[in-house]
Amino acid sequence: MSIAQFKPKMREVRLETEVFEERFSDYDIISEFSGIILTLVAVEDNVRYTSFVTASYAEVLRKQKEAIA
């Protein structure tokens, strides 16, 4: 019997960008596809929350995060 059997599966929930931004202040911006569309990702309680954004909007979000930090 493998330990991997006991790993809980992570659910994925896709949210509208506005809802995502209101709910999460700490998130990652990743490229899962061609780079034109990026994904906002936050993990909470074994759930992976995602939202798709354009690369130009992701750049705006990155600048906002840098200004806050």
N, C-alpha and C. Protein backbone atom coordinates (compact mmCIF):
# COMPACT_ATOMS: atom_id res chain seq x y z
N MET A 1 0.84 -1.17 0.00
CA MET A 1 0.00 0.00 0.00
C MET A 1 0.90 1.25 0.00
N SER A 2 0.62 2.13 -0.87
CA SER A 2 1.44 3.33 -1.03
C SER A 2 0.88 4.49 -0.21
N ILE A 3 1.77 5.34 0.25
CA ILE A 3 1.35 6.53 1.00
C ILE A 3 0.57 7.47 0.10
N ALA A 4 0.84 7.48 -1.19
CA ALA A 4 0.17 8.36 -2.14
C ALA A 4 -1.35 8.13 -2.13
N GLN A 5 -1.78 6.95 -1.76
CA GLN A 5 -3.21 6.67 -1.72
C GLN A 5 -3.93 7.55 -0.71
N PHE A 6 -3.22 7.98 0.32
CA PHE A 6 -3.84 8.73 1.39
C PHE A 6 -3.75 10.24 1.21
N LYS A 7 -3.14 10.69 0.13
CA LYS A 7 -3.07 12.12 -0.14
C LYS A 7 -4.45 12.62 -0.55
N PRO A 8 -4.95 13.62 0.12
CA PRO A 8 -6.26 14.15 -0.30
C PRO A 8 -6.14 14.85 -1.66
N LYS A 9 -7.11 14.65 -2.49
CA LYS A 9 -7.11 15.31 -3.79
C LYS A 9 -7.41 16.78 -3.63
N MET A 10 -6.68 17.59 -4.39
CA MET A 10 -6.91 19.02 -4.35
C MET A 10 -8.00 19.36 -5.37
N ARG A 11 -9.02 20.04 -4.90
CA ARG A 11 -10.09 20.49 -5.80
C ARG A 11 -9.64 21.78 -6.47
N GLU A 12 -10.22 22.05 -7.62
CA GLU A 12 -9.95 23.32 -8.30
C GLU A 12 -11.27 24.05 -8.52
N VAL A 13 -11.27 25.33 -8.17
CA VAL A 13 -12.45 26.16 -8.34
C VAL A 13 -12.05 27.37 -9.17
N ARG A 14 -12.74 27.59 -10.25
CA ARG A 14 -12.47 28.74 -11.11
C ARG A 14 -13.40 29.88 -10.72
N LEU A 15 -12.83 31.06 -10.48
CA LEU A 15 -13.60 32.23 -10.07
C LEU A 15 -13.48 33.33 -11.11
N GLU A 16 -14.46 34.21 -11.12
CA GLU A 16 -14.34 35.41 -11.95
C GLU A 16 -13.23 36.26 -11.35
N THR A 17 -12.53 37.00 -12.17
CA THR A 17 -11.37 37.76 -11.73
C THR A 17 -11.72 38.74 -10.62
N GLU A 18 -12.83 39.42 -10.74
CA GLU A 18 -13.23 40.40 -9.72
C GLU A 18 -13.43 39.73 -8.36
N VAL A 19 -14.07 38.59 -8.36
CA VAL A 19 -14.30 37.84 -7.13
C VAL A 19 -12.98 37.35 -6.56
N PHE A 20 -12.11 36.85 -7.43
CA PHE A 20 -10.81 36.36 -7.02
C PHE A 20 -10.01 37.46 -6.33
N GLU A 21 -9.96 38.65 -6.95
CA GLU A 21 -9.18 39.76 -6.39
C GLU A 21 -9.74 40.22 -5.05
N GLU A 22 -11.05 40.19 -4.89
CA GLU A 22 -11.66 40.59 -3.62
C GLU A 22 -11.35 39.58 -2.51
N ARG A 23 -11.30 38.32 -2.87
CA ARG A 23 -11.14 37.26 -1.87
C ARG A 23 -9.69 37.03 -1.45
N PHE A 24 -8.75 37.16 -2.39
CA PHE A 24 -7.36 36.80 -2.10
C PHE A 24 -6.43 37.99 -2.28
N SER A 25 -5.62 38.23 -1.26
CA SER A 25 -4.60 39.27 -1.37
C SER A 25 -3.25 38.64 -1.69
N ASP A 26 -3.10 37.36 -1.37
CA ASP A 26 -1.84 36.65 -1.63
C ASP A 26 -2.10 35.56 -2.67
N TYR A 27 -1.52 35.72 -3.85
CA TYR A 27 -1.72 34.76 -4.92
C TYR A 27 -0.53 34.79 -5.86
N ASP A 28 -0.42 33.79 -6.70
CA ASP A 28 0.64 33.70 -7.71
C ASP A 28 0.03 33.93 -9.08
N ILE A 29 0.87 34.42 -9.98
CA ILE A 29 0.48 34.59 -11.38
C ILE A 29 1.35 33.63 -12.18
N ILE A 30 0.73 32.67 -12.86
CA ILE A 30 1.49 31.67 -13.60
C ILE A 30 1.01 31.61 -15.05
N SER A 31 1.87 31.05 -15.90
CA SER A 31 1.53 30.86 -17.30
C SER A 31 1.32 29.37 -17.53
N GLU A 32 0.09 28.97 -17.78
CA GLU A 32 -0.20 27.57 -18.03
C GLU A 32 -0.37 27.28 -19.52
N PHE A 33 -0.55 28.32 -20.31
CA PHE A 33 -0.83 28.13 -21.72
C PHE A 33 0.24 28.84 -22.56
N SER A 34 -0.16 29.65 -23.50
CA SER A 34 0.75 30.25 -24.45
C SER A 34 1.45 31.51 -23.93
N GLY A 35 1.02 32.04 -22.81
CA GLY A 35 1.60 33.27 -22.31
C GLY A 35 0.72 34.48 -22.56
N ILE A 36 -0.25 34.37 -23.44
CA ILE A 36 -1.18 35.47 -23.70
C ILE A 36 -2.21 35.52 -22.57
N ILE A 37 -2.63 34.34 -22.12
CA ILE A 37 -3.56 34.23 -21.00
C ILE A 37 -2.77 33.67 -19.82
N LEU A 38 -2.84 34.38 -18.68
CA LEU A 38 -2.16 33.92 -17.48
C LEU A 38 -3.20 33.51 -16.45
N THR A 39 -2.75 32.79 -15.44
CA THR A 39 -3.66 32.28 -14.42
C THR A 39 -3.28 32.84 -13.06
N LEU A 40 -4.27 33.38 -12.36
CA LEU A 40 -4.08 33.76 -10.96
C LEU A 40 -4.39 32.52 -10.14
N VAL A 41 -3.52 32.20 -9.17
CA VAL A 41 -3.68 30.98 -8.40
C VAL A 41 -3.53 31.28 -6.91
N ALA A 42 -4.46 30.80 -6.12
CA ALA A 42 -4.37 30.85 -4.66
C ALA A 42 -4.83 29.50 -4.13
N VAL A 43 -4.17 29.03 -3.08
CA VAL A 43 -4.54 27.75 -2.49
C VAL A 43 -4.97 28.00 -1.05
N GLU A 44 -6.14 27.45 -0.72
CA GLU A 44 -6.70 27.61 0.62
C GLU A 44 -7.47 26.35 0.98
N ASP A 45 -7.15 25.77 2.12
CA ASP A 45 -7.87 24.58 2.61
C ASP A 45 -7.97 23.47 1.55
N ASN A 46 -6.84 23.15 0.95
CA ASN A 46 -6.74 22.09 -0.05
C ASN A 46 -7.62 22.33 -1.28
N VAL A 47 -7.89 23.60 -1.57
CA VAL A 47 -8.63 23.96 -2.78
C VAL A 47 -7.76 24.95 -3.55
N ARG A 48 -7.60 24.68 -4.85
CA ARG A 48 -6.83 25.57 -5.73
C ARG A 48 -7.81 26.47 -6.46
N TYR A 49 -7.77 27.76 -6.11
CA TYR A 49 -8.65 28.74 -6.75
C TYR A 49 -7.90 29.38 -7.92
N THR A 50 -8.55 29.48 -9.06
CA THR A 50 -7.90 30.05 -10.24
C THR A 50 -8.82 31.06 -10.92
N SER A 51 -8.17 31.94 -11.68
CA SER A 51 -8.89 32.89 -12.52
C SER A 51 -7.98 33.23 -13.70
N PHE A 52 -8.53 33.31 -14.88
CA PHE A 52 -7.74 33.62 -16.07
C PHE A 52 -7.75 35.12 -16.34
N VAL A 53 -6.59 35.67 -16.70
CA VAL A 53 -6.45 37.08 -17.04
C VAL A 53 -5.53 37.22 -18.25
N THR A 54 -5.64 38.35 -18.92
CA THR A 54 -4.73 38.61 -20.04
C THR A 54 -3.35 38.96 -19.48
N ALA A 55 -2.34 38.84 -20.31
CA ALA A 55 -0.97 39.15 -19.89
C ALA A 55 -0.84 40.62 -19.49
N SER A 56 -1.53 41.51 -20.20
CA SER A 56 -1.42 42.94 -19.87
C SER A 56 -2.07 43.23 -18.51
N TYR A 57 -3.18 42.58 -18.20
CA TYR A 57 -3.81 42.80 -16.90
C TYR A 57 -2.96 42.17 -15.79
N ALA A 58 -2.35 41.04 -16.07
CA ALA A 58 -1.46 40.41 -15.09
C ALA A 58 -0.30 41.33 -14.76
N GLU A 59 0.20 42.06 -15.75
CA GLU A 59 1.29 43.02 -15.52
C GLU A 59 0.83 44.14 -14.59
N VAL A 60 -0.39 44.62 -14.78
CA VAL A 60 -0.95 45.64 -13.89
C VAL A 60 -1.02 45.10 -12.46
N LEU A 61 -1.48 43.87 -12.30
CA LEU A 61 -1.57 43.26 -10.97
C LEU A 61 -0.19 43.10 -10.33
N ARG A 62 0.80 42.69 -11.14
CA ARG A 62 2.17 42.56 -10.62
C ARG A 62 2.69 43.89 -10.09
N LYS A 63 2.46 44.95 -10.85
CA LYS A 63 2.91 46.28 -10.43
C LYS A 63 2.21 46.72 -9.16
N GLN A 64 0.93 46.42 -9.04
CA GLN A 64 0.19 46.75 -7.81
C GLN A 64 0.77 46.01 -6.61
N LYS A 65 1.08 44.71 -6.81
CA LYS A 65 1.65 43.92 -5.71
C LYS A 65 3.01 44.45 -5.30
N GLU A 66 3.83 44.86 -6.28
CA GLU A 66 5.15 45.40 -5.97
C GLU A 66 5.04 46.73 -5.22
N ALA A 67 4.07 47.55 -5.60
CA ALA A 67 3.89 48.85 -4.95
C ALA A 67 3.46 48.67 -3.50
N ILE A 68 2.69 47.65 -3.23
CA ILE A 68 2.22 47.39 -1.87
C ILE A 68 3.35 46.83 -1.01
N ALA A 69 4.19 46.00 -1.61
CA ALA A 69 5.27 45.31 -0.86
C ALA A 69 6.40 46.20 -0.47
